[in-house]
Protein backbone atom coordinates (compact mmCIF):
# COMPACT_ATOMS: atom_id res chain seq x y z
CA MET A 1 0.00 0.00 0.00
CA ASN A 2 1.29 3.47 -0.73
CA LYS A 3 0.97 6.64 1.35
CA ALA A 4 -1.45 8.45 -0.99
CA GLU A 5 -3.79 5.44 -1.15
CA ALA A 6 -3.83 5.07 2.64
CA ILE A 7 -4.56 8.77 3.18
CA GLN A 8 -7.36 8.67 0.61
CA GLN A 9 -8.99 5.63 2.23
CA LEU A 10 -8.71 7.16 5.70
CA GLY A 11 -10.60 10.32 4.84
CA GLY A 12 -8.72 12.02 2.03
CA SER A 13 -6.45 14.29 4.06
CA ILE A 14 -3.48 13.97 6.38
CA PRO A 15 -5.44 15.30 9.38
CA ALA A 16 -8.28 12.82 8.75
CA ALA A 17 -5.84 9.93 8.34
CA ALA A 18 -3.98 10.91 11.51
CA LYS A 19 -7.21 11.08 13.51
CA ALA A 20 -8.42 7.74 12.14
CA ILE A 21 -5.34 5.85 13.29
CA GLY A 22 -4.61 7.90 16.39
CA VAL A 23 -1.33 9.56 15.48
CA SER A 24 -0.19 13.11 14.83
CA TYR A 25 -0.28 14.99 11.54
CA GLN A 26 3.51 14.96 11.60
CA ALA A 27 3.63 11.17 11.91
CA VAL A 28 1.45 10.68 8.83
CA ASN A 29 3.34 13.40 6.95
CA GLN A 30 6.59 11.49 7.56
CA TRP A 31 5.31 8.16 6.23
CA PRO A 32 7.41 6.82 3.34
CA ASP A 33 5.78 6.55 -0.09
CA VAL A 34 5.61 2.76 0.22
CA LEU A 35 4.24 1.91 3.65
CA PRO A 36 5.90 -0.78 5.79
CA ALA A 37 3.77 -3.63 7.11
CA ARG A 38 3.38 -2.12 10.60
CA ILE A 39 1.75 1.02 9.17
CA VAL A 40 -0.36 -0.95 6.70
CA ASP A 41 -1.64 -3.00 9.65
CA ARG A 42 -2.68 0.19 11.48
CA VAL A 43 -4.37 1.56 8.34
CA GLN A 44 -6.30 -1.68 7.81
CA ALA A 45 -7.35 -1.79 11.47
CA ALA A 46 -8.62 1.80 11.25
CA LEU A 47 -10.54 1.01 8.06
CA TRP A 48 -12.11 -2.02 9.78
CA ARG A 49 -13.14 0.12 12.76
CA MET A 50 -14.58 2.80 10.47
CA GLN A 51 -16.62 0.19 8.60
CA LYS A 52 -17.81 -1.40 11.83
CA GLU A 53 -18.91 1.99 13.21
CA LYS A 54 -20.69 2.78 9.95
CA CYS A 55 -22.57 -0.53 10.06
CA SER A 56 -23.45 -0.11 13.74
CA SER A 57 -24.83 3.38 13.24
CA HIS A 58 -26.79 2.20 10.20
CA GLU A 59 -28.34 -0.65 12.19
CA LEU A 60 -29.29 1.72 15.03
CA ALA A 61 -30.94 4.14 12.60
CA GLN A 62 -33.19 1.49 11.05
CA PRO A 63 -36.38 0.42 12.82
CA SER A 64 -36.87 -3.24 13.56
CA THR A 65 -38.65 -5.13 10.79
CA SER A 66 -39.70 -8.00 12.99
CA THR A 67 -43.46 -8.56 13.02
CA LYS A 68 -43.48 -11.65 15.20
CA GLU A 69 -46.36 -11.60 17.68
CA VAL A 70 -46.08 -13.06 21.13
CA GLY A 71 -48.87 -15.09 22.71
CA ASN A 72 -51.74 -17.37 21.56
CA ASP A 73 -49.70 -20.24 20.11
């Protein structure tokens, strides 16, 4: 994975990428063009968390579709 791709996936800017993975702007700014495995792992973990949060908030926003009635069986 390269630096530009990681930044784009993490929000499109260095500040957004830094916030997503919990590091400073300066840390992201100093990443090499080709990311080492340890940084790729952090990027992928942040993307997983972002997706999980997105799915959780989507589920909370949708009303239940269950129409099962309780009683008189």
